[in-house]
N, C-alpha and C. Protein backbone atom coordinates (compact mmCIF):
# COMPACT_ATOMS: atom_id res chain seq x y z
N MET A 1 -113.39 21.58 280.28
CA MET A 1 -112.62 22.34 279.17
C MET A 1 -113.92 23.18 278.86
N VAL A 2 -112.94 24.65 278.71
CA VAL A 2 -113.85 25.96 278.24
C VAL A 2 -113.78 25.74 276.74
N SER A 3 -114.28 25.83 275.77
CA SER A 3 -113.78 25.90 274.20
C SER A 3 -113.64 27.38 273.96
N LEU A 4 -112.78 27.33 273.48
CA LEU A 4 -111.76 29.14 273.19
C LEU A 4 -112.78 29.23 271.65
N GLN A 5 -113.02 28.47 270.83
CA GLN A 5 -113.32 28.48 270.15
C GLN A 5 -114.38 29.83 269.71
N GLU A 6 -115.78 29.43 271.23
CA GLU A 6 -116.44 30.68 270.80
C GLU A 6 -116.28 31.85 270.63
N ASN A 7 -114.67 32.04 271.21
CA ASN A 7 -114.23 33.46 271.47
C ASN A 7 -112.84 33.85 270.24
N ASN A 8 -112.95 33.60 269.21
CA ASN A 8 -112.10 33.80 268.42
C ASN A 8 -112.64 33.16 267.00
N ASP A 9 -112.24 34.31 266.03
CA ASP A 9 -112.77 33.74 264.91
C ASP A 9 -111.16 33.27 263.75
N GLY A 10 -110.24 32.99 264.72
CA GLY A 10 -109.08 32.06 263.48
C GLY A 10 -108.14 32.87 262.89
N LEU A 11 -108.93 34.09 263.02
CA LEU A 11 -107.65 35.20 262.30
C LEU A 11 -106.71 35.68 262.52
N TRP A 12 -106.27 35.23 263.98
CA TRP A 12 -105.37 35.86 264.76
C TRP A 12 -104.86 34.40 265.79
N LEU A 13 -104.13 34.18 265.95
CA LEU A 13 -103.46 33.10 266.34
C LEU A 13 -102.49 33.25 267.42
N PRO A 14 -102.34 32.58 268.81
CA PRO A 14 -101.50 32.98 269.50
C PRO A 14 -100.04 32.20 269.22
N LEU A 15 -99.10 32.73 268.72
CA LEU A 15 -98.01 31.89 268.05
C LEU A 15 -96.84 32.03 268.91
N VAL A 16 -96.60 30.25 269.42
CA VAL A 16 -95.18 30.28 270.28
C VAL A 16 -93.76 30.79 269.36
N GLU A 17 -94.49 29.53 268.42
CA GLU A 17 -92.75 29.86 267.44
C GLU A 17 -93.18 29.21 266.18
N GLU A 18 -91.91 29.69 265.29
CA GLU A 18 -92.74 29.13 263.75
C GLU A 18 -91.02 28.75 263.30
N PHE A 19 -91.00 27.75 262.20
CA PHE A 19 -89.55 27.55 261.63
C PHE A 19 -89.77 26.58 260.85
N TYR A 20 -88.89 26.86 259.99
CA TYR A 20 -89.05 25.34 259.07
C TYR A 20 -88.14 24.45 259.41
N SER A 21 -88.22 23.14 259.37
CA SER A 21 -87.48 22.06 259.60
C SER A 21 -87.81 20.99 258.73
N ILE A 22 -87.36 19.81 259.56
CA ILE A 22 -87.72 18.36 259.49
C ILE A 22 -88.41 17.71 260.12
N GLN A 23 -89.75 16.95 259.67
CA GLN A 23 -90.49 16.64 261.01
C GLN A 23 -89.83 15.03 261.08
N GLY A 24 -89.88 15.40 262.51
CA GLY A 24 -89.09 14.27 263.26
C GLY A 24 -89.66 13.41 263.87
N GLU A 25 -90.78 13.29 263.78
CA GLU A 25 -91.97 12.07 264.15
C GLU A 25 -92.58 11.52 263.27
N GLY A 26 -93.07 9.91 263.85
CA GLY A 26 -94.48 9.73 262.68
C GLY A 26 -93.80 9.01 261.51
N CYS A 27 -95.24 8.88 260.84
CA CYS A 27 -94.75 8.58 259.52
C CYS A 27 -94.31 9.47 258.15
N ASN A 28 -94.18 10.37 258.67
CA ASN A 28 -93.77 11.37 257.80
C ASN A 28 -92.39 12.02 258.36
N THR A 29 -91.50 11.37 258.85
CA THR A 29 -90.26 11.61 259.45
C THR A 29 -89.38 11.62 258.24
N GLY A 30 -88.35 12.55 258.59
CA GLY A 30 -87.83 12.27 257.34
C GLY A 30 -87.58 13.88 255.99
N LYS A 31 -89.30 14.41 256.08
CA LYS A 31 -89.86 15.30 255.31
C LYS A 31 -89.67 16.82 255.83
N ALA A 32 -89.58 17.60 254.90
CA ALA A 32 -88.84 18.91 255.17
C ALA A 32 -90.57 19.73 255.50
N ALA A 33 -90.79 20.64 256.25
CA ALA A 33 -92.49 21.04 256.57
C ALA A 33 -92.32 22.17 257.43
N TYR A 34 -92.76 23.28 257.46
CA TYR A 34 -92.66 24.38 258.30
C TYR A 34 -93.69 24.16 259.20
N PHE A 35 -93.00 24.66 260.19
CA PHE A 35 -93.62 24.41 261.59
C PHE A 35 -94.20 25.69 262.43
N ILE A 36 -95.56 25.66 262.87
CA ILE A 36 -96.57 26.41 263.29
C ILE A 36 -96.89 25.99 264.97
N ARG A 37 -96.42 26.27 265.89
CA ARG A 37 -96.68 25.97 267.33
C ARG A 37 -97.35 26.88 267.62
N VAL A 38 -98.74 26.80 267.86
CA VAL A 38 -99.87 27.58 268.19
C VAL A 38 -100.00 27.31 269.97
N GLY A 39 -100.14 28.66 270.85
CA GLY A 39 -100.30 28.93 272.16
C GLY A 39 -101.50 28.12 272.96
N GLY A 40 -101.56 27.54 274.02
CA GLY A 40 -102.67 27.31 274.73
C GLY A 40 -102.73 25.38 274.65
N CYS A 41 -102.93 25.04 276.09
CA CYS A 41 -103.37 23.64 276.12
C CYS A 41 -103.81 23.65 277.79
N ASP A 42 -104.62 23.11 278.05
CA ASP A 42 -105.34 22.71 279.60
C ASP A 42 -105.09 21.42 279.82
N ILE A 43 -104.63 20.52 279.16
CA ILE A 43 -104.43 19.12 279.54
C ILE A 43 -103.50 18.63 280.39
N GLY A 44 -102.22 19.35 279.73
CA GLY A 44 -101.28 19.58 281.59
C GLY A 44 -100.35 18.55 281.45
N CYS A 45 -99.91 17.34 280.63
CA CYS A 45 -99.19 16.05 280.72
C CYS A 45 -97.92 16.14 281.18
N SER A 46 -97.33 15.54 282.63
CA SER A 46 -96.40 15.80 283.02
C SER A 46 -95.44 16.05 282.71
N TRP A 47 -94.87 14.94 281.18
CA TRP A 47 -93.63 14.56 280.55
C TRP A 47 -93.59 15.77 279.59
N CYS A 48 -94.64 16.51 279.31
CA CYS A 48 -94.62 17.77 277.86
C CYS A 48 -93.09 18.16 277.84
N ASP A 49 -92.91 18.26 276.56
CA ASP A 49 -91.68 19.33 276.21
C ASP A 49 -91.73 20.35 275.93
N THR A 50 -93.03 20.87 275.84
CA THR A 50 -93.33 21.79 275.05
C THR A 50 -94.35 22.81 276.33
N LYS A 51 -94.07 22.79 277.51
CA LYS A 51 -95.05 23.96 278.89
C LYS A 51 -94.82 24.98 278.09
N TYR A 52 -93.91 25.64 277.99
CA TYR A 52 -93.69 27.02 277.39
C TYR A 52 -94.87 27.54 276.52
N SER A 53 -95.92 26.38 276.05
CA SER A 53 -96.85 26.64 275.19
C SER A 53 -98.01 26.64 276.02
N TRP A 54 -98.22 26.19 276.74
CA TRP A 54 -99.10 25.98 277.67
C TRP A 54 -100.26 27.27 277.80
N ASN A 55 -99.38 28.21 278.51
CA ASN A 55 -100.47 29.76 278.66
C ASN A 55 -100.70 30.40 277.45
N ALA A 56 -101.85 30.41 276.81
CA ALA A 56 -102.04 31.88 275.45
C ALA A 56 -101.44 32.91 275.28
N ASP A 57 -102.14 33.28 276.93
CA ASP A 57 -101.64 34.66 277.19
C ASP A 57 -100.06 34.95 277.34
N MET A 58 -98.95 34.07 277.19
CA MET A 58 -97.75 34.68 277.15
C MET A 58 -97.19 35.17 275.53
N HIS A 59 -98.31 34.51 274.93
CA HIS A 59 -97.65 34.47 273.31
C HIS A 59 -98.51 35.64 272.42
N PRO A 60 -97.94 36.25 271.46
CA PRO A 60 -98.18 37.32 271.03
C PRO A 60 -99.34 36.82 269.76
N MET A 61 -100.52 37.57 269.58
CA MET A 61 -101.68 37.05 268.80
C MET A 61 -100.99 37.94 267.61
N VAL A 62 -100.95 36.59 266.26
CA VAL A 62 -100.53 36.92 264.90
C VAL A 62 -101.55 37.08 263.92
N ASP A 63 -101.47 37.94 263.10
CA ASP A 63 -102.47 37.41 262.11
C ASP A 63 -101.94 36.52 261.26
N ILE A 64 -102.70 35.69 260.90
CA ILE A 64 -102.59 34.58 260.08
C ILE A 64 -102.16 35.05 258.61
N GLY A 65 -102.28 35.78 258.07
CA GLY A 65 -101.52 36.66 257.16
C GLY A 65 -100.24 36.58 256.90
N VAL A 66 -99.80 37.45 258.00
CA VAL A 66 -98.49 37.54 258.49
C VAL A 66 -97.76 35.67 258.43
N ILE A 67 -98.57 34.78 259.31
CA ILE A 67 -98.06 33.25 259.33
C ILE A 67 -97.70 32.72 258.04
N ALA A 68 -98.59 33.04 257.04
CA ALA A 68 -98.89 32.56 255.66
C ALA A 68 -97.69 33.17 255.03
N GLY A 69 -97.60 34.32 254.97
CA GLY A 69 -96.37 34.82 254.35
C GLY A 69 -95.08 34.55 254.99
N ASN A 70 -95.11 34.35 255.92
CA ASN A 70 -93.51 33.51 256.43
C ASN A 70 -93.43 32.08 256.00
N ILE A 71 -94.72 31.57 255.95
CA ILE A 71 -94.04 30.25 254.81
C ILE A 71 -93.76 30.16 253.46
N THR A 72 -94.72 31.45 253.06
CA THR A 72 -94.23 31.35 251.64
C THR A 72 -93.16 31.83 251.76
N ALA A 73 -92.49 32.61 252.28
CA ALA A 73 -90.71 33.37 251.89
C ALA A 73 -89.63 32.37 252.30
N ALA A 74 -90.64 31.22 253.17
CA ALA A 74 -89.84 30.29 253.55
C ALA A 74 -89.45 29.46 252.53
N GLY A 75 -90.64 29.01 251.19
CA GLY A 75 -90.51 28.05 250.00
C GLY A 75 -90.68 26.58 250.75
N ALA A 76 -91.37 26.66 251.92
CA ALA A 76 -92.10 25.84 252.57
C ALA A 76 -93.29 25.03 251.32
N ASP A 77 -93.42 23.58 250.91
CA ASP A 77 -95.00 23.66 250.58
C ASP A 77 -95.79 22.56 251.28
N SER A 78 -95.56 22.34 252.73
CA SER A 78 -96.28 21.85 254.15
C SER A 78 -96.03 22.75 254.90
N VAL A 79 -97.13 22.23 256.15
CA VAL A 79 -97.23 23.00 257.03
C VAL A 79 -97.51 22.10 258.03
N VAL A 80 -97.01 21.94 259.08
CA VAL A 80 -97.29 21.17 260.27
C VAL A 80 -97.84 22.31 261.68
N VAL A 81 -99.30 21.92 262.25
CA VAL A 81 -99.80 22.80 262.88
C VAL A 81 -99.90 21.98 264.42
N THR A 82 -99.04 22.36 265.24
CA THR A 82 -98.94 21.84 266.45
C THR A 82 -99.29 22.49 267.80
N GLY A 83 -98.90 22.40 268.67
CA GLY A 83 -99.33 23.20 270.29
C GLY A 83 -98.20 22.72 271.69
N GLY A 84 -98.86 22.82 272.52
CA GLY A 84 -99.89 23.44 273.14
C GLY A 84 -101.18 22.35 272.20
N GLU A 85 -101.95 22.95 271.85
CA GLU A 85 -103.44 22.42 271.28
C GLU A 85 -104.24 22.66 270.34
N PRO A 86 -103.85 22.93 269.25
CA PRO A 86 -104.40 23.85 267.79
C PRO A 86 -105.57 23.79 267.78
N LEU A 87 -106.26 22.81 268.27
CA LEU A 87 -107.69 22.88 267.79
C LEU A 87 -108.01 23.34 269.35
N MET A 88 -107.96 23.88 270.43
CA MET A 88 -108.51 24.86 271.07
C MET A 88 -109.00 26.58 270.37
N TRP A 89 -108.42 26.53 269.07
CA TRP A 89 -108.90 27.51 268.09
C TRP A 89 -109.23 27.10 267.23
N ASN A 90 -110.38 27.89 266.21
CA ASN A 90 -110.26 28.02 265.04
C ASN A 90 -109.56 28.14 263.84
N MET A 91 -108.94 26.39 263.87
CA MET A 91 -108.07 26.44 262.58
C MET A 91 -108.63 26.62 260.86
N SER A 92 -110.03 26.83 260.87
CA SER A 92 -110.28 27.04 259.28
C SER A 92 -109.92 27.57 258.51
N PRO A 93 -109.63 29.32 259.15
CA PRO A 93 -109.22 30.48 258.40
C PRO A 93 -107.80 30.11 257.95
N LEU A 94 -106.90 29.42 258.89
CA LEU A 94 -105.56 29.45 258.26
C LEU A 94 -105.80 28.10 257.25
N CYS A 95 -106.09 27.44 257.41
CA CYS A 95 -106.59 25.96 256.38
C CYS A 95 -106.57 26.77 255.29
N ASP A 96 -107.74 27.25 254.72
CA ASP A 96 -108.46 27.96 253.93
C ASP A 96 -107.38 29.29 252.80
N LEU A 97 -106.42 29.41 254.00
CA LEU A 97 -105.27 30.43 253.74
C LEU A 97 -104.44 29.24 252.71
N LEU A 98 -103.97 28.90 253.94
CA LEU A 98 -102.88 27.74 253.22
C LEU A 98 -103.01 27.21 251.48
N LYS A 99 -104.61 26.25 251.71
CA LYS A 99 -104.87 25.85 250.77
C LYS A 99 -105.21 27.05 249.35
N GLN A 100 -105.32 28.09 249.72
CA GLN A 100 -105.13 28.83 248.21
C GLN A 100 -103.76 28.94 247.77
N LYS A 101 -103.00 28.64 248.99
CA LYS A 101 -101.48 28.92 248.10
C LYS A 101 -100.86 27.42 247.71
N GLY A 102 -101.72 26.73 248.05
CA GLY A 102 -100.89 25.14 247.25
C GLY A 102 -100.47 24.61 248.42
N ILE A 103 -100.37 24.67 249.63
CA ILE A 103 -100.22 24.50 250.49
C ILE A 103 -100.50 23.20 251.27
N SER A 104 -100.09 22.24 251.66
CA SER A 104 -100.21 21.07 252.45
C SER A 104 -100.32 21.17 254.21
N THR A 105 -101.51 20.56 254.62
CA THR A 105 -101.69 20.94 255.76
C THR A 105 -101.63 19.34 256.93
N TYR A 106 -100.77 19.38 257.77
CA TYR A 106 -100.81 18.52 258.76
C TYR A 106 -101.14 19.37 260.22
N LEU A 107 -101.79 18.27 261.16
CA LEU A 107 -101.90 18.67 262.19
C LEU A 107 -101.62 17.76 263.22
N GLU A 108 -100.98 18.20 263.96
CA GLU A 108 -100.98 17.25 265.59
C GLU A 108 -101.71 17.72 266.79
N THR A 109 -102.80 16.63 267.09
CA THR A 109 -103.55 17.00 267.92
C THR A 109 -104.06 16.07 269.50
N SER A 110 -104.47 16.17 270.04
CA SER A 110 -104.86 15.40 271.14
C SER A 110 -106.36 14.86 271.01
N GLY A 111 -106.94 16.07 269.95
CA GLY A 111 -108.40 15.37 269.75
C GLY A 111 -109.40 15.71 270.92
N ALA A 112 -108.31 16.51 271.58
CA ALA A 112 -109.35 16.51 272.72
C ALA A 112 -110.69 17.90 272.59
N TYR A 113 -110.50 19.04 271.44
CA TYR A 113 -111.30 19.73 271.27
C TYR A 113 -112.14 19.30 269.46
N PRO A 114 -113.47 20.07 269.21
CA PRO A 114 -113.80 19.61 268.18
C PRO A 114 -112.77 19.96 267.10
N LEU A 115 -113.16 19.29 265.78
CA LEU A 115 -112.35 19.51 264.92
C LEU A 115 -112.48 20.65 264.10
N SER A 116 -111.50 21.71 263.76
CA SER A 116 -111.98 22.68 262.78
C SER A 116 -110.54 22.57 261.75
N GLY A 117 -111.02 23.14 260.16
CA GLY A 117 -109.96 22.94 259.65
C GLY A 117 -110.11 21.66 258.29
N THR A 118 -109.16 22.33 257.21
CA THR A 118 -109.26 21.08 256.26
C THR A 118 -107.69 20.55 256.18
N TRP A 119 -107.81 19.27 256.53
CA TRP A 119 -106.23 18.92 256.88
C TRP A 119 -105.93 17.59 255.41
N ASP A 120 -104.61 17.57 255.31
CA ASP A 120 -104.09 16.45 254.34
C ASP A 120 -103.50 15.41 255.30
N TRP A 121 -103.04 15.52 256.57
CA TRP A 121 -103.00 14.45 257.17
C TRP A 121 -103.07 15.14 258.90
N ILE A 122 -103.31 14.08 259.38
CA ILE A 122 -104.27 14.32 261.10
C ILE A 122 -103.34 13.12 261.70
N THR A 123 -102.86 13.70 262.86
CA THR A 123 -101.79 12.81 263.76
C THR A 123 -102.37 12.86 265.26
N LEU A 124 -103.10 11.62 265.45
CA LEU A 124 -103.93 12.09 266.83
C LEU A 124 -103.46 11.19 268.09
N SER A 125 -103.05 11.91 268.85
CA SER A 125 -101.81 11.56 270.15
C SER A 125 -102.87 11.62 271.39
N PRO A 126 -103.64 11.04 271.52
CA PRO A 126 -104.64 10.83 273.02
C PRO A 126 -103.95 10.79 273.66
N LYS A 127 -104.39 11.60 274.95
CA LYS A 127 -103.98 11.99 275.99
C LYS A 127 -104.61 11.21 277.62
N LYS A 128 -104.10 10.37 278.52
CA LYS A 128 -104.82 9.90 279.25
C LYS A 128 -106.10 11.33 280.07
N GLY A 129 -107.50 11.03 280.21
CA GLY A 129 -107.87 11.75 280.79
C GLY A 129 -108.72 12.78 280.22
N PHE A 130 -108.27 12.39 278.57
CA PHE A 130 -108.88 13.86 277.68
C PHE A 130 -109.15 12.94 276.16
N LEU A 131 -109.74 12.09 276.40
CA LEU A 131 -110.14 11.48 275.19
C LEU A 131 -110.49 12.29 273.95
N PRO A 132 -110.10 12.15 273.05
CA PRO A 132 -110.40 12.82 271.67
C PRO A 132 -112.26 12.50 271.28
N MET A 133 -112.45 14.00 270.61
CA MET A 133 -113.93 13.74 270.23
C MET A 133 -113.83 12.26 269.29
N PRO A 134 -115.24 11.96 269.32
CA PRO A 134 -115.81 10.74 268.56
C PRO A 134 -115.58 11.06 266.91
N GLU A 135 -115.10 12.16 266.61
CA GLU A 135 -115.29 12.24 264.91
C GLU A 135 -113.73 12.24 264.46
N ILE A 136 -113.16 12.69 265.44
CA ILE A 136 -111.54 12.51 265.09
C ILE A 136 -110.76 11.65 265.00
N TRP A 137 -111.35 10.47 265.80
CA TRP A 137 -110.90 9.13 265.75
C TRP A 137 -110.96 8.64 264.62
N LEU A 138 -112.04 8.85 264.12
CA LEU A 138 -112.56 8.66 262.15
C LEU A 138 -111.56 9.15 261.56
N MET A 139 -111.19 10.26 261.68
CA MET A 139 -110.34 10.93 260.70
C MET A 139 -108.79 10.97 261.00
N ALA A 140 -108.48 9.74 261.65
CA ALA A 140 -106.90 9.96 261.90
C ALA A 140 -106.15 9.38 260.81
N ASP A 141 -105.07 9.86 260.36
CA ASP A 141 -104.51 9.40 259.79
C ASP A 141 -103.54 8.28 260.22
N GLU A 142 -102.63 8.60 261.38
CA GLU A 142 -101.85 7.83 262.04
C GLU A 142 -102.00 8.52 263.53
N LEU A 143 -102.18 6.97 264.44
CA LEU A 143 -102.58 7.39 265.59
C LEU A 143 -101.04 7.11 266.30
N LYS A 144 -100.54 8.25 267.32
CA LYS A 144 -99.69 8.09 267.98
C LYS A 144 -99.35 8.07 269.18
N VAL A 145 -99.10 6.97 269.94
CA VAL A 145 -99.12 6.93 271.23
C VAL A 145 -97.97 7.42 272.59
N ILE A 146 -98.15 7.77 273.14
CA ILE A 146 -96.59 8.28 273.71
C ILE A 146 -96.72 7.52 274.67
N VAL A 147 -95.37 6.23 274.90
CA VAL A 147 -94.90 5.15 276.06
C VAL A 147 -94.49 5.91 277.18
N GLU A 148 -94.82 5.85 278.24
CA GLU A 148 -94.02 6.52 279.15
C GLU A 148 -93.46 5.55 280.22
N ASP A 149 -94.72 4.38 280.87
CA ASP A 149 -94.48 3.12 281.35
C ASP A 149 -95.47 1.95 280.49
N GLY A 150 -95.40 1.42 281.19
CA GLY A 150 -96.09 -0.39 280.66
C GLY A 150 -97.59 0.28 280.95
N THR A 151 -98.11 0.84 281.32
CA THR A 151 -99.82 1.10 281.65
C THR A 151 -100.16 1.64 280.27
N ASP A 152 -99.13 2.28 279.60
CA ASP A 152 -99.45 2.96 277.92
C ASP A 152 -99.80 2.06 277.22
N PHE A 153 -99.10 1.06 277.16
CA PHE A 153 -99.65 -0.36 276.15
C PHE A 153 -101.45 -0.62 276.37
N GLU A 154 -101.72 -0.72 277.25
CA GLU A 154 -103.14 -1.26 277.72
C GLU A 154 -103.99 0.03 276.82
N ALA A 155 -103.32 1.37 277.20
CA ALA A 155 -103.98 2.68 276.92
C ALA A 155 -104.21 2.23 275.08
N ALA A 156 -103.07 2.00 274.79
CA ALA A 156 -102.86 2.07 273.31
C ALA A 156 -103.68 1.06 272.61
N GLU A 157 -103.75 -0.23 273.00
CA GLU A 157 -104.76 -1.06 272.30
C GLU A 157 -105.99 -0.99 272.91
N GLU A 158 -106.76 0.11 273.44
CA GLU A 158 -108.23 0.60 273.60
C GLU A 158 -108.10 1.59 272.47
N TYR A 159 -107.08 2.57 272.46
CA TYR A 159 -107.41 3.51 271.29
C TYR A 159 -107.51 3.10 269.99
N ARG A 160 -106.75 1.93 269.75
CA ARG A 160 -106.43 1.24 268.66
C ARG A 160 -107.80 0.60 268.07
N LYS A 161 -108.65 0.44 269.11
CA LYS A 161 -110.05 0.01 268.52
C LYS A 161 -111.33 1.47 268.17
N MET A 162 -110.85 2.37 268.14
CA MET A 162 -111.53 3.51 268.01
C MET A 162 -111.13 4.09 266.65
N VAL A 163 -110.03 3.60 266.06
CA VAL A 163 -109.60 4.63 264.89
C VAL A 163 -109.82 3.03 263.69
N THR A 164 -109.47 3.95 262.52
CA THR A 164 -110.18 2.91 261.58
C THR A 164 -109.23 2.27 260.81
N GLY A 165 -109.54 1.37 260.15
CA GLY A 165 -108.77 0.30 259.46
C GLY A 165 -106.84 0.66 258.90
N LYS A 166 -107.75 2.15 258.44
CA LYS A 166 -106.72 3.20 257.09
C LYS A 166 -105.32 3.37 258.02
N CYS A 167 -105.78 3.48 259.31
CA CYS A 167 -104.99 4.46 260.64
C CYS A 167 -103.43 3.81 260.79
N ARG A 168 -102.50 4.71 260.64
CA ARG A 168 -101.56 3.76 260.94
C ARG A 168 -101.06 3.94 262.62
N LEU A 169 -100.57 2.88 262.96
CA LEU A 169 -100.34 2.72 264.58
C LEU A 169 -99.12 2.77 265.10
N LEU A 170 -98.98 3.89 265.66
CA LEU A 170 -97.55 4.51 266.09
C LEU A 170 -97.21 4.12 267.62
N LEU A 171 -96.42 3.38 268.30
CA LEU A 171 -95.77 3.61 269.37
C LEU A 171 -94.56 4.51 269.74
N GLN A 172 -94.40 5.64 270.74
CA GLN A 172 -93.32 6.69 270.65
C GLN A 172 -92.83 6.39 272.11
N PRO A 173 -91.43 6.52 272.62
CA PRO A 173 -91.20 6.62 273.94
C PRO A 173 -91.17 7.99 274.31
N GLU A 174 -91.33 8.33 275.56
CA GLU A 174 -91.57 9.46 275.93
C GLU A 174 -90.52 10.14 276.20
N TRP A 175 -89.91 11.20 275.54
CA TRP A 175 -88.80 11.22 275.39
C TRP A 175 -87.17 11.21 277.13
N SER A 176 -87.66 11.67 278.18
CA SER A 176 -87.00 11.01 279.32
C SER A 176 -86.63 9.97 279.90
N ARG A 177 -87.90 9.40 278.58
CA ARG A 177 -87.90 7.70 279.15
C ARG A 177 -87.59 7.09 278.31
N TYR A 178 -86.44 7.39 277.17
CA TYR A 178 -86.54 7.03 275.88
C TYR A 178 -85.64 5.30 276.53
N THR A 179 -84.57 5.77 277.08
CA THR A 179 -83.51 4.67 277.67
C THR A 179 -84.23 3.56 278.49
N ALA A 180 -84.92 3.93 279.46
CA ALA A 180 -85.66 2.55 279.90
C ALA A 180 -86.59 2.22 279.29
N MET A 181 -87.67 2.99 278.18
CA MET A 181 -88.59 1.96 278.08
C MET A 181 -88.53 1.50 276.44
N ILE A 182 -87.34 2.00 275.61
CA ILE A 182 -87.33 1.73 274.39
C ILE A 182 -87.10 -0.15 273.81
N ALA A 183 -86.64 -0.84 274.80
CA ALA A 183 -86.29 -2.27 274.56
C ALA A 183 -88.04 -2.83 274.76
N GLU A 184 -88.44 -2.47 275.96
CA GLU A 184 -89.97 -2.91 275.86
C GLU A 184 -90.65 -2.53 275.07
N ILE A 185 -90.77 -1.66 274.54
CA ILE A 185 -91.64 -0.70 273.24
C ILE A 185 -91.26 -1.89 271.72
N THR A 186 -89.67 -2.23 271.99
CA THR A 186 -89.34 -3.11 270.82
C THR A 186 -89.78 -4.54 270.75
N GLU A 187 -90.16 -4.98 272.29
CA GLU A 187 -90.34 -6.20 272.08
C GLU A 187 -92.29 -6.73 272.16
N TYR A 188 -92.72 -5.22 272.11
CA TYR A 188 -94.28 -5.29 272.38
C TYR A 188 -94.35 -5.22 271.13
N VAL A 189 -93.58 -4.33 269.76
CA VAL A 189 -93.85 -4.64 268.90
C VAL A 189 -93.38 -5.89 267.40
N LYS A 190 -92.86 -5.95 268.40
CA LYS A 190 -92.71 -7.71 267.62
C LYS A 190 -93.55 -8.83 267.47
N LYS A 191 -94.64 -8.38 268.66
CA LYS A 191 -95.45 -9.51 269.24
C LYS A 191 -96.96 -9.15 268.73
N HIS A 192 -96.62 -7.90 268.65
CA HIS A 192 -97.98 -7.55 268.33
C HIS A 192 -97.76 -5.99 267.20
N THR A 193 -97.64 -6.67 265.60
CA THR A 193 -96.81 -6.14 264.55
C THR A 193 -97.51 -5.34 263.80
N TYR A 194 -98.56 -4.72 264.37
CA TYR A 194 -99.89 -3.72 263.59
C TYR A 194 -99.28 -2.70 264.13
N TRP A 195 -98.45 -2.70 265.53
CA TRP A 195 -97.51 -1.45 265.85
C TRP A 195 -96.67 -1.12 265.30
N THR A 196 -96.16 0.28 264.90
CA THR A 196 -94.72 0.63 264.33
C THR A 196 -93.98 1.62 265.66
N VAL A 197 -92.70 1.18 265.96
CA VAL A 197 -92.35 2.29 266.70
C VAL A 197 -91.82 3.62 265.54
N SER A 198 -91.99 4.80 266.60
CA SER A 198 -91.99 6.14 265.97
C SER A 198 -91.06 6.43 267.19
N LEU A 199 -89.99 7.57 266.44
CA LEU A 199 -88.59 7.75 267.69
C LEU A 199 -88.89 9.66 267.27
N GLN A 200 -88.22 10.28 268.38
CA GLN A 200 -88.50 11.51 267.62
C GLN A 200 -86.87 11.81 267.24
N ALA A 201 -86.88 11.59 266.17
CA ALA A 201 -85.48 11.15 265.61
C ALA A 201 -84.94 13.01 264.94
N HIS A 202 -85.66 14.20 265.12
CA HIS A 202 -85.09 15.47 265.55
C HIS A 202 -84.35 15.56 266.79
N LYS A 203 -84.53 14.84 267.27
CA LYS A 203 -83.99 15.35 268.66
C LYS A 203 -82.49 14.43 268.41
N PHE A 204 -82.75 13.04 267.91
CA PHE A 204 -81.33 12.33 267.68
C PHE A 204 -80.21 13.19 266.61
N MET A 205 -81.13 14.27 265.58
CA MET A 205 -80.39 14.86 264.97
C MET A 205 -79.94 16.38 265.22
N HIS A 206 -80.61 16.55 266.56
CA HIS A 206 -79.92 18.18 267.36
C HIS A 206 -80.31 19.13 266.11
N ILE A 207 -81.90 19.05 265.26
CA ILE A 207 -82.20 20.22 265.20
C ILE A 207 -83.50 20.09 265.53
N PRO A 208 -84.21 21.36 265.53
CA PRO A 208 -85.61 22.11 266.10
C PRO A 208 -86.56 20.81 265.57
C-alpha cells in the first residue's frame, strides 16, 4: 500500500458524503453524531456496503474549514469520521479544527495506515490481509469484528489478544449475512461472554 499521507497536508479531504444522524453501530449506538465519509480505500472487502467510496478521485476535495462549518451549522457536538479508510489521509488538521470548536472526534478505521489526528474514541475494525499498525491496537476503544462466516470467530480471537483490557469487544454480522449468521454469533457470545453483539441498528431504523 502506498501512503497518501505523504502527498497531502490534510487541509482538503475527498468528501464522499456528510450528514447528521444517529450512530448505528458499536458501543455508541443511539447517540447523535455528524458523519463524514472520506474517500479512498485499497483494502477492497467483498462485502463492503460503501464501495462507492473506494476511489478517492471520484469525490470532490473539500476544504476542512467548509466541513467544520457544516458541522457547526448542524448543531452537532460529535463527529464520526469514516470511509473508505480515513487514515489514508492526514487527519490531524481536521481534528485540531474540530477540537478548537469543542467537538468530540470519533474514528472508524481498519487501522491499516498510520494513525493521525486526536481522537476521543477509536473504533478498530481489522480486515483480513491488512492487519492494523501496531500502535493502533493499543489505542482502540472498541474492537469491531465483522462476521461473514464461521472462520471470522478464529480471527476475532487473534485480534482480541492484540488490544488492551479496556477495549470493548464486538462481533457484528455482515449485513447481507445477518439472517445466516446472527444465531451463530449469539451462541458464540453466550459461550465467550467477553464479546458483545453489535448490530447495524441504523439499517433496522431505515436512517442513514
